[in-house]
Amino acid sequence: QPDQSETSNKQTNIMRLVSIPSICIIFLAKSFAEASIQKKVVNGFKRFAGTYREPETYNNLVIFTTDPNVSNHCDNMMEMVEALEDYLKIKVERVNVWRSQLNFKLFEKFDRRECNGLPLLVNRKTGARICGISTKQNLLNWATGKKTEFMPEMYPDDMDSPNEDDVPF
């Protein structure tokens, strides 16, 4: 006949086995009470299963460019883009094609062998693109979804034309 200490040990072991799942169930029940935690738990299971995808958040406005002081065209357009961002209170995503082969492949996808140079500005929402240097008005049109010239016929000296003074940024 088993002694009392063996019976006590068996009861303790049974309690441990029962209490661990109980604690887990209680913890999960409390966790599922809050929607944000529930979402984290579900996403955790999806990550574990390999089916989780990050939410797609991206900016519709992109400029493909180089490092500073490599291209005068890129530097001039970057200054204009910064002024445009301040004026419209928007953010233009900068993609440096010199620093990443993946960025270069993305540039090639949007370029479609039509520009073959930098900078290339892309409005992903409207599909409008600007190749190379452009006017402030054309840049404003690009950012606001209006008709945009892809390759405006101009040179950096034309940047100070009288029509450019009418553009508010």
N, C-alpha and C. Protein backbone atom coordinates (compact mmCIF):
# COMPACT_ATOMS: atom_id res chain seq x y z
N GLN A 1 0.85 -1.18 0.00
CA GLN A 1 0.00 0.00 0.00
C GLN A 1 0.89 1.24 0.00
N PRO A 2 0.61 2.21 -0.92
CA PRO A 2 1.47 3.41 -1.00
C PRO A 2 1.30 4.26 0.25
N ASP A 3 2.41 4.83 0.61
CA ASP A 3 2.35 5.70 1.80
C ASP A 3 1.76 7.06 1.43
N GLN A 4 1.54 7.86 2.43
CA GLN A 4 0.84 9.13 2.24
C GLN A 4 1.68 10.13 1.44
N SER A 5 3.00 10.06 1.56
CA SER A 5 3.85 11.00 0.82
C SER A 5 3.80 10.73 -0.68
N GLU A 6 3.71 9.45 -1.09
CA GLU A 6 3.60 9.12 -2.52
C GLU A 6 2.27 9.64 -3.07
N THR A 7 1.21 9.47 -2.34
CA THR A 7 -0.11 9.95 -2.75
C THR A 7 -0.10 11.46 -2.87
N SER A 8 0.54 12.11 -1.92
CA SER A 8 0.65 13.56 -1.94
C SER A 8 1.43 14.04 -3.15
N ASN A 9 2.54 13.35 -3.50
CA ASN A 9 3.36 13.71 -4.67
C ASN A 9 2.56 13.54 -5.97
N LYS A 10 1.78 12.45 -6.04
CA LYS A 10 0.96 12.22 -7.24
C LYS A 10 -0.08 13.32 -7.40
N GLN A 11 -0.72 13.69 -6.29
CA GLN A 11 -1.72 14.75 -6.34
C GLN A 11 -1.08 16.08 -6.75
N THR A 12 0.12 16.36 -6.23
CA THR A 12 0.83 17.59 -6.59
C THR A 12 1.17 17.60 -8.08
N ASN A 13 1.65 16.46 -8.59
CA ASN A 13 1.99 16.37 -10.02
C ASN A 13 0.76 16.55 -10.89
N ILE A 14 -0.37 15.97 -10.47
CA ILE A 14 -1.61 16.12 -11.23
C ILE A 14 -2.04 17.58 -11.22
N MET A 15 -1.93 18.23 -10.07
CA MET A 15 -2.29 19.66 -9.97
C MET A 15 -1.41 20.51 -10.88
N ARG A 16 -0.12 20.17 -10.94
CA ARG A 16 0.78 20.92 -11.83
C ARG A 16 0.36 20.74 -13.28
N LEU A 17 0.04 19.51 -13.66
CA LEU A 17 -0.37 19.25 -15.04
C LEU A 17 -1.67 19.96 -15.39
N VAL A 18 -2.58 20.03 -14.44
CA VAL A 18 -3.86 20.68 -14.68
C VAL A 18 -3.70 22.19 -14.63
N SER A 19 -2.88 22.70 -13.74
CA SER A 19 -2.78 24.14 -13.57
C SER A 19 -2.05 24.84 -14.70
N ILE A 20 -1.07 24.22 -15.31
CA ILE A 20 -0.34 24.86 -16.41
C ILE A 20 -1.27 25.13 -17.60
N PRO A 21 -2.02 24.13 -18.09
CA PRO A 21 -2.96 24.45 -19.18
C PRO A 21 -4.02 25.45 -18.76
N SER A 22 -4.46 25.36 -17.52
CA SER A 22 -5.47 26.31 -17.04
C SER A 22 -4.94 27.73 -17.07
N ILE A 23 -3.72 27.90 -16.63
CA ILE A 23 -3.10 29.23 -16.64
C ILE A 23 -2.98 29.74 -18.08
N CYS A 24 -2.59 28.85 -18.97
CA CYS A 24 -2.45 29.25 -20.38
C CYS A 24 -3.80 29.67 -20.95
N ILE A 25 -4.84 28.91 -20.63
CA ILE A 25 -6.17 29.24 -21.15
C ILE A 25 -6.65 30.58 -20.58
N ILE A 26 -6.44 30.79 -19.30
CA ILE A 26 -6.83 32.06 -18.69
C ILE A 26 -6.05 33.21 -19.32
N PHE A 27 -4.76 33.02 -19.52
CA PHE A 27 -3.92 34.07 -20.12
C PHE A 27 -4.41 34.39 -21.53
N LEU A 28 -4.67 33.34 -22.33
CA LEU A 28 -5.13 33.56 -23.70
C LEU A 28 -6.51 34.23 -23.71
N ALA A 29 -7.37 33.84 -22.79
CA ALA A 29 -8.70 34.45 -22.73
C ALA A 29 -8.60 35.94 -22.44
N LYS A 30 -7.70 36.31 -21.52
CA LYS A 30 -7.51 37.73 -21.23
C LYS A 30 -6.89 38.45 -22.43
N SER A 31 -5.97 37.78 -23.09
CA SER A 31 -5.32 38.39 -24.25
C SER A 31 -6.30 38.64 -25.37
N PHE A 32 -7.20 37.69 -25.59
CA PHE A 32 -8.16 37.85 -26.68
C PHE A 32 -9.21 38.90 -26.38
N ALA A 33 -9.26 39.36 -25.15
CA ALA A 33 -10.23 40.40 -24.80
C ALA A 33 -9.92 41.71 -25.48
N GLU A 34 -8.65 41.99 -25.73
CA GLU A 34 -8.26 43.23 -26.38
C GLU A 34 -7.98 42.94 -27.86
N ALA A 35 -8.58 43.71 -28.72
CA ALA A 35 -8.46 43.47 -30.16
C ALA A 35 -7.03 43.59 -30.66
N SER A 36 -6.29 44.57 -30.14
CA SER A 36 -4.92 44.76 -30.63
C SER A 36 -4.05 43.57 -30.24
N ILE A 37 -4.24 43.06 -29.05
CA ILE A 37 -3.45 41.90 -28.62
C ILE A 37 -3.89 40.67 -29.41
N GLN A 38 -5.18 40.57 -29.67
CA GLN A 38 -5.68 39.45 -30.45
C GLN A 38 -5.04 39.45 -31.83
N LYS A 39 -4.95 40.61 -32.43
CA LYS A 39 -4.33 40.73 -33.75
C LYS A 39 -2.86 40.30 -33.70
N LYS A 40 -2.17 40.69 -32.63
CA LYS A 40 -0.77 40.31 -32.48
C LYS A 40 -0.62 38.81 -32.33
N VAL A 41 -1.53 38.19 -31.57
CA VAL A 41 -1.47 36.74 -31.40
C VAL A 41 -1.71 36.04 -32.73
N VAL A 42 -2.74 36.48 -33.46
CA VAL A 42 -3.05 35.88 -34.76
C VAL A 42 -1.88 36.06 -35.71
N ASN A 43 -1.31 37.28 -35.77
CA ASN A 43 -0.16 37.52 -36.64
C ASN A 43 1.04 36.68 -36.22
N GLY A 44 1.17 36.45 -34.91
CA GLY A 44 2.25 35.59 -34.43
C GLY A 44 2.10 34.17 -34.95
N PHE A 45 0.85 33.66 -34.93
CA PHE A 45 0.60 32.33 -35.47
C PHE A 45 0.86 32.30 -36.97
N LYS A 46 0.46 33.37 -37.67
CA LYS A 46 0.70 33.44 -39.11
C LYS A 46 2.19 33.48 -39.41
N ARG A 47 2.95 34.24 -38.61
CA ARG A 47 4.41 34.28 -38.80
C ARG A 47 4.99 32.88 -38.61
N PHE A 48 4.52 32.20 -37.58
CA PHE A 48 5.01 30.85 -37.30
C PHE A 48 4.68 29.92 -38.46
N ALA A 49 3.50 30.08 -39.04
CA ALA A 49 3.08 29.22 -40.14
C ALA A 49 3.67 29.66 -41.48
N GLY A 50 4.29 30.85 -41.51
CA GLY A 50 4.89 31.34 -42.75
C GLY A 50 3.90 31.99 -43.70
N THR A 51 2.72 32.37 -43.20
CA THR A 51 1.70 32.96 -44.08
C THR A 51 1.47 34.44 -43.80
N TYR A 52 2.26 35.04 -42.92
CA TYR A 52 2.05 36.44 -42.56
C TYR A 52 2.67 37.35 -43.61
N ARG A 53 1.95 38.43 -43.97
CA ARG A 53 2.47 39.46 -44.88
C ARG A 53 2.33 40.80 -44.20
N GLU A 54 3.38 41.60 -44.25
CA GLU A 54 3.33 42.94 -43.69
C GLU A 54 2.29 43.74 -44.46
N PRO A 55 1.57 44.64 -43.78
CA PRO A 55 0.63 45.49 -44.50
C PRO A 55 1.37 46.36 -45.51
N GLU A 56 0.77 46.53 -46.66
CA GLU A 56 1.42 47.32 -47.71
C GLU A 56 1.20 48.80 -47.45
N THR A 57 2.25 49.43 -47.01
CA THR A 57 2.20 50.88 -46.84
C THR A 57 3.34 51.46 -47.67
N TYR A 58 3.02 52.34 -48.55
CA TYR A 58 4.05 52.98 -49.34
C TYR A 58 3.56 54.34 -49.78
N ASN A 59 4.51 55.12 -50.19
CA ASN A 59 4.23 56.45 -50.67
C ASN A 59 3.99 56.37 -52.17
N ASN A 60 3.02 57.10 -52.66
CA ASN A 60 2.73 57.10 -54.10
C ASN A 60 3.77 57.87 -54.90
N LEU A 61 4.47 58.81 -54.28
CA LEU A 61 5.44 59.65 -54.99
C LEU A 61 6.85 59.17 -54.70
N VAL A 62 7.58 58.88 -55.78
CA VAL A 62 8.93 58.31 -55.65
C VAL A 62 9.87 59.06 -56.57
N ILE A 63 11.09 59.31 -56.08
CA ILE A 63 12.15 59.83 -56.95
C ILE A 63 13.31 58.85 -56.89
N PHE A 64 13.71 58.37 -58.06
CA PHE A 64 14.89 57.52 -58.18
C PHE A 64 16.06 58.46 -58.44
N THR A 65 17.08 58.33 -57.62
CA THR A 65 18.18 59.28 -57.68
C THR A 65 19.51 58.61 -57.33
N THR A 66 20.54 59.43 -57.21
CA THR A 66 21.88 58.94 -56.87
C THR A 66 22.31 59.56 -55.55
N ASP A 67 23.56 59.34 -55.22
CA ASP A 67 24.15 60.00 -54.05
C ASP A 67 24.25 61.50 -54.33
N PRO A 68 24.24 62.31 -53.28
CA PRO A 68 24.43 63.75 -53.48
C PRO A 68 25.78 64.05 -54.15
N ASN A 69 25.79 65.11 -54.93
CA ASN A 69 27.00 65.62 -55.62
C ASN A 69 27.55 64.68 -56.69
N VAL A 70 26.73 63.75 -57.16
CA VAL A 70 27.13 62.89 -58.26
C VAL A 70 26.56 63.41 -59.57
N SER A 71 25.32 63.90 -59.52
CA SER A 71 24.63 64.38 -60.71
C SER A 71 23.99 65.73 -60.41
N ASN A 72 24.32 66.73 -61.23
CA ASN A 72 23.70 68.05 -61.05
C ASN A 72 22.19 67.99 -61.25
N HIS A 73 21.75 67.18 -62.23
CA HIS A 73 20.31 67.05 -62.47
C HIS A 73 19.61 66.50 -61.23
N CYS A 74 20.18 65.46 -60.64
CA CYS A 74 19.57 64.87 -59.43
C CYS A 74 19.58 65.87 -58.28
N ASP A 75 20.70 66.57 -58.10
CA ASP A 75 20.78 67.55 -57.01
C ASP A 75 19.76 68.67 -57.19
N ASN A 76 19.62 69.19 -58.43
CA ASN A 76 18.65 70.26 -58.69
C ASN A 76 17.22 69.78 -58.43
N MET A 77 16.91 68.57 -58.89
CA MET A 77 15.56 68.05 -58.69
C MET A 77 15.29 67.74 -57.22
N MET A 78 16.31 67.31 -56.49
CA MET A 78 16.12 67.03 -55.06
C MET A 78 15.78 68.32 -54.31
N GLU A 79 16.43 69.43 -54.69
CA GLU A 79 16.11 70.72 -54.06
C GLU A 79 14.66 71.10 -54.36
N MET A 80 14.25 70.90 -55.60
CA MET A 80 12.87 71.23 -55.97
C MET A 80 11.87 70.31 -55.26
N VAL A 81 12.21 69.04 -55.12
CA VAL A 81 11.33 68.09 -54.43
C VAL A 81 11.19 68.47 -52.96
N GLU A 82 12.29 68.87 -52.34
CA GLU A 82 12.23 69.29 -50.93
C GLU A 82 11.33 70.52 -50.76
N ALA A 83 11.42 71.47 -51.69
CA ALA A 83 10.54 72.65 -51.64
C ALA A 83 9.09 72.24 -51.86
N LEU A 84 8.86 71.31 -52.79
CA LEU A 84 7.52 70.81 -53.05
C LEU A 84 6.93 70.12 -51.81
N GLU A 85 7.75 69.33 -51.15
CA GLU A 85 7.31 68.64 -49.92
C GLU A 85 6.87 69.65 -48.86
N ASP A 86 7.66 70.70 -48.69
CA ASP A 86 7.32 71.73 -47.71
C ASP A 86 6.02 72.45 -48.10
N TYR A 87 5.86 72.73 -49.38
CA TYR A 87 4.70 73.46 -49.86
C TYR A 87 3.42 72.64 -49.73
N LEU A 88 3.45 71.38 -50.17
CA LEU A 88 2.25 70.54 -50.16
C LEU A 88 2.09 69.72 -48.88
N LYS A 89 3.09 69.77 -48.01
CA LYS A 89 3.07 68.98 -46.77
C LYS A 89 2.91 67.49 -47.09
N ILE A 90 3.77 67.02 -48.00
CA ILE A 90 3.77 65.62 -48.42
C ILE A 90 5.17 65.06 -48.24
N LYS A 91 5.32 63.78 -48.51
CA LYS A 91 6.62 63.14 -48.46
C LYS A 91 6.84 62.40 -49.76
N VAL A 92 7.97 62.64 -50.40
CA VAL A 92 8.36 61.93 -51.62
C VAL A 92 9.41 60.91 -51.21
N GLU A 93 9.17 59.66 -51.55
CA GLU A 93 10.11 58.59 -51.19
C GLU A 93 11.35 58.67 -52.08
N ARG A 94 12.51 58.64 -51.47
CA ARG A 94 13.77 58.69 -52.21
C ARG A 94 14.33 57.27 -52.33
N VAL A 95 14.67 56.89 -53.57
CA VAL A 95 15.22 55.57 -53.82
C VAL A 95 16.57 55.76 -54.51
N ASN A 96 17.64 55.40 -53.81
CA ASN A 96 18.99 55.54 -54.34
C ASN A 96 19.34 54.29 -55.13
N VAL A 97 19.45 54.41 -56.44
CA VAL A 97 19.71 53.24 -57.28
C VAL A 97 21.17 52.83 -57.28
N TRP A 98 22.05 53.67 -56.78
CA TRP A 98 23.46 53.33 -56.74
C TRP A 98 23.81 52.44 -55.55
N ARG A 99 23.00 52.44 -54.55
CA ARG A 99 23.30 51.74 -53.30
C ARG A 99 22.73 50.33 -53.22
N SER A 100 21.85 49.97 -54.14
CA SER A 100 21.18 48.67 -54.03
C SER A 100 20.81 48.15 -55.40
N GLN A 101 21.14 46.90 -55.64
CA GLN A 101 20.77 46.27 -56.91
C GLN A 101 19.24 46.11 -56.99
N LEU A 102 18.62 45.87 -55.85
CA LEU A 102 17.16 45.76 -55.81
C LEU A 102 16.51 47.09 -56.19
N ASN A 103 17.06 48.20 -55.68
CA ASN A 103 16.55 49.52 -56.06
C ASN A 103 16.72 49.77 -57.55
N PHE A 104 17.85 49.31 -58.11
CA PHE A 104 18.08 49.50 -59.54
C PHE A 104 17.06 48.70 -60.35
N LYS A 105 16.75 47.48 -59.91
CA LYS A 105 15.75 46.68 -60.62
C LYS A 105 14.37 47.34 -60.54
N LEU A 106 14.07 47.95 -59.40
CA LEU A 106 12.82 48.68 -59.26
C LEU A 106 12.80 49.88 -60.21
N PHE A 107 13.93 50.57 -60.32
CA PHE A 107 14.05 51.69 -61.26
C PHE A 107 13.79 51.21 -62.68
N GLU A 108 14.39 50.09 -63.06
CA GLU A 108 14.20 49.56 -64.42
C GLU A 108 12.73 49.22 -64.69
N LYS A 109 12.04 48.73 -63.67
CA LYS A 109 10.62 48.39 -63.83
C LYS A 109 9.82 49.64 -64.16
N PHE A 110 10.06 50.73 -63.43
CA PHE A 110 9.31 51.96 -63.65
C PHE A 110 9.81 52.72 -64.88
N ASP A 111 11.07 52.56 -65.22
CA ASP A 111 11.65 53.27 -66.35
C ASP A 111 11.13 52.74 -67.69
N ARG A 112 10.96 51.44 -67.79
CA ARG A 112 10.49 50.79 -69.02
C ARG A 112 11.35 51.13 -70.24
N ARG A 113 12.63 51.38 -70.00
CA ARG A 113 13.60 51.71 -71.05
C ARG A 113 13.21 52.95 -71.86
N GLU A 114 12.57 53.88 -71.20
CA GLU A 114 12.15 55.10 -71.88
C GLU A 114 12.98 56.31 -71.44
N CYS A 115 13.44 56.32 -70.20
CA CYS A 115 14.21 57.45 -69.69
C CYS A 115 15.70 57.14 -69.73
N ASN A 116 16.06 55.99 -69.19
CA ASN A 116 17.45 55.53 -69.13
C ASN A 116 18.38 56.50 -68.43
N GLY A 117 17.86 57.26 -67.50
CA GLY A 117 18.68 58.20 -66.76
C GLY A 117 18.03 58.61 -65.47
N LEU A 118 18.78 59.37 -64.73
CA LEU A 118 18.29 59.85 -63.43
C LEU A 118 18.28 61.37 -63.44
N PRO A 119 17.43 61.96 -62.67
CA PRO A 119 16.43 61.37 -61.80
C PRO A 119 15.21 60.93 -62.59
N LEU A 120 14.49 59.98 -62.01
CA LEU A 120 13.20 59.55 -62.55
C LEU A 120 12.20 59.71 -61.41
N LEU A 121 11.16 60.47 -61.65
CA LEU A 121 10.11 60.68 -60.66
C LEU A 121 8.88 59.91 -61.10
N VAL A 122 8.27 59.18 -60.17
CA VAL A 122 7.12 58.33 -60.49
C VAL A 122 6.00 58.62 -59.50
N ASN A 123 4.81 58.83 -60.03
CA ASN A 123 3.60 58.91 -59.22
C ASN A 123 2.90 57.57 -59.40
N ARG A 124 3.01 56.70 -58.41
CA ARG A 124 2.45 55.35 -58.53
C ARG A 124 0.93 55.34 -58.61
N LYS A 125 0.30 56.36 -58.10
CA LYS A 125 -1.16 56.41 -58.12
C LYS A 125 -1.68 56.72 -59.52
N THR A 126 -1.06 57.69 -60.19
CA THR A 126 -1.54 58.12 -61.51
C THR A 126 -0.74 57.51 -62.66
N GLY A 127 0.47 57.02 -62.37
CA GLY A 127 1.33 56.51 -63.42
C GLY A 127 2.18 57.58 -64.08
N ALA A 128 2.01 58.84 -63.67
CA ALA A 128 2.78 59.93 -64.27
C ALA A 128 4.25 59.81 -63.89
N ARG A 129 5.10 60.11 -64.87
CA ARG A 129 6.55 60.04 -64.64
C ARG A 129 7.22 61.28 -65.21
N ILE A 130 8.32 61.64 -64.58
CA ILE A 130 9.16 62.73 -65.09
C ILE A 130 10.56 62.19 -65.23
N CYS A 131 11.14 62.38 -66.40
CA CYS A 131 12.50 61.92 -66.67
C CYS A 131 13.43 63.12 -66.69
N GLY A 132 14.42 63.09 -65.82
CA GLY A 132 15.43 64.15 -65.80
C GLY A 132 14.96 65.40 -65.11
N ILE A 133 15.55 66.53 -65.51
CA ILE A 133 15.25 67.82 -64.90
C ILE A 133 13.92 68.33 -65.44
N SER A 134 13.20 69.07 -64.64
CA SER A 134 11.88 69.53 -65.04
C SER A 134 11.61 70.91 -64.46
N THR A 135 10.47 71.46 -64.82
CA THR A 135 10.05 72.76 -64.28
C THR A 135 9.30 72.54 -62.96
N LYS A 136 9.20 73.60 -62.19
CA LYS A 136 8.44 73.53 -60.94
C LYS A 136 6.97 73.23 -61.23
N GLN A 137 6.43 73.85 -62.27
CA GLN A 137 5.02 73.63 -62.61
C GLN A 137 4.78 72.17 -62.98
N ASN A 138 5.66 71.59 -63.75
CA ASN A 138 5.52 70.18 -64.13
C ASN A 138 5.62 69.28 -62.89
N LEU A 139 6.52 69.63 -61.99
CA LEU A 139 6.68 68.87 -60.74
C LEU A 139 5.42 68.97 -59.88
N LEU A 140 4.85 70.16 -59.80
CA LEU A 140 3.61 70.35 -59.05
C LEU A 140 2.47 69.54 -59.68
N ASN A 141 2.39 69.56 -61.00
CA ASN A 141 1.37 68.76 -61.71
C ASN A 141 1.55 67.28 -61.40
N TRP A 142 2.79 66.82 -61.41
CA TRP A 142 3.10 65.42 -61.13
C TRP A 142 2.62 65.02 -59.73
N ALA A 143 2.88 65.85 -58.76
CA ALA A 143 2.53 65.53 -57.38
C ALA A 143 1.04 65.61 -57.12
N THR A 144 0.33 66.46 -57.84
CA THR A 144 -1.10 66.66 -57.59
C THR A 144 -1.99 65.88 -58.55
N GLY A 145 -1.39 65.07 -59.42
CA GLY A 145 -2.19 64.20 -60.29
C GLY A 145 -2.67 64.84 -61.56
N LYS A 146 -2.09 65.99 -61.91
CA LYS A 146 -2.49 66.65 -63.17
C LYS A 146 -1.59 66.18 -64.31
N LYS A 147 -1.93 66.63 -65.53
CA LYS A 147 -1.15 66.22 -66.70
C LYS A 147 0.31 66.64 -66.56
N THR A 148 1.20 65.68 -66.81
CA THR A 148 2.63 65.88 -66.60
C THR A 148 3.39 65.56 -67.88
N GLU A 149 4.41 66.37 -68.17
CA GLU A 149 5.29 66.07 -69.29
C GLU A 149 6.35 65.09 -68.83
N PHE A 150 6.51 63.97 -69.57
CA PHE A 150 7.48 62.95 -69.20
C PHE A 150 8.92 63.44 -69.37
N MET A 151 9.22 63.98 -70.53
CA MET A 151 10.57 64.51 -70.79
C MET A 151 10.43 65.94 -71.27
N PRO A 152 10.30 66.88 -70.34
CA PRO A 152 10.17 68.27 -70.77
C PRO A 152 11.42 68.72 -71.52
N GLU A 153 11.20 69.47 -72.58
CA GLU A 153 12.34 69.94 -73.36
C GLU A 153 12.86 71.21 -72.73
N MET A 154 13.81 71.02 -71.84
CA MET A 154 14.40 72.17 -71.16
C MET A 154 15.78 71.81 -70.67
N TYR A 155 16.49 72.81 -70.29
CA TYR A 155 17.83 72.65 -69.76
C TYR A 155 17.90 73.42 -68.45
N PRO A 156 18.90 73.16 -67.61
CA PRO A 156 18.96 73.84 -66.31
C PRO A 156 18.88 75.36 -66.39
N ASP A 157 19.36 75.97 -67.49
CA ASP A 157 19.30 77.43 -67.63
C ASP A 157 17.85 77.92 -67.74
N ASP A 158 16.95 77.05 -68.24
CA ASP A 158 15.55 77.42 -68.39
C ASP A 158 14.81 77.43 -67.06
N MET A 159 15.45 76.98 -65.98
CA MET A 159 14.80 76.89 -64.68
C MET A 159 14.37 78.26 -64.17
N ASP A 160 15.04 79.31 -64.61
CA ASP A 160 14.73 80.65 -64.13
C ASP A 160 13.82 81.41 -65.08
N SER A 161 13.06 80.68 -65.89
CA SER A 161 12.18 81.36 -66.84
C SER A 161 11.06 82.08 -66.08
N PRO A 162 10.48 83.12 -66.69
CA PRO A 162 9.45 83.92 -66.01
C PRO A 162 8.27 83.08 -65.53
N ASN A 163 7.89 82.04 -66.25
CA ASN A 163 6.76 81.21 -65.85
C ASN A 163 7.01 80.51 -64.51
N GLU A 164 8.24 80.27 -64.20
CA GLU A 164 8.58 79.58 -62.96
C GLU A 164 8.31 80.45 -61.72
N ASP A 165 8.30 81.76 -61.91
CA ASP A 165 8.02 82.64 -60.77
C ASP A 165 6.56 82.56 -60.32
N ASP A 166 5.69 82.08 -61.20
CA ASP A 166 4.28 81.96 -60.86
C ASP A 166 3.99 80.73 -59.97
N VAL A 167 4.94 79.81 -59.90
CA VAL A 167 4.75 78.59 -59.10
C VAL A 167 5.03 78.94 -57.64
N PRO A 168 4.11 78.57 -56.73
CA PRO A 168 4.19 79.06 -55.35
C PRO A 168 5.27 78.45 -54.46
N PHE A 169 6.06 77.55 -54.93
CA PHE A 169 7.09 77.01 -54.04
C PHE A 169 8.47 77.26 -54.57
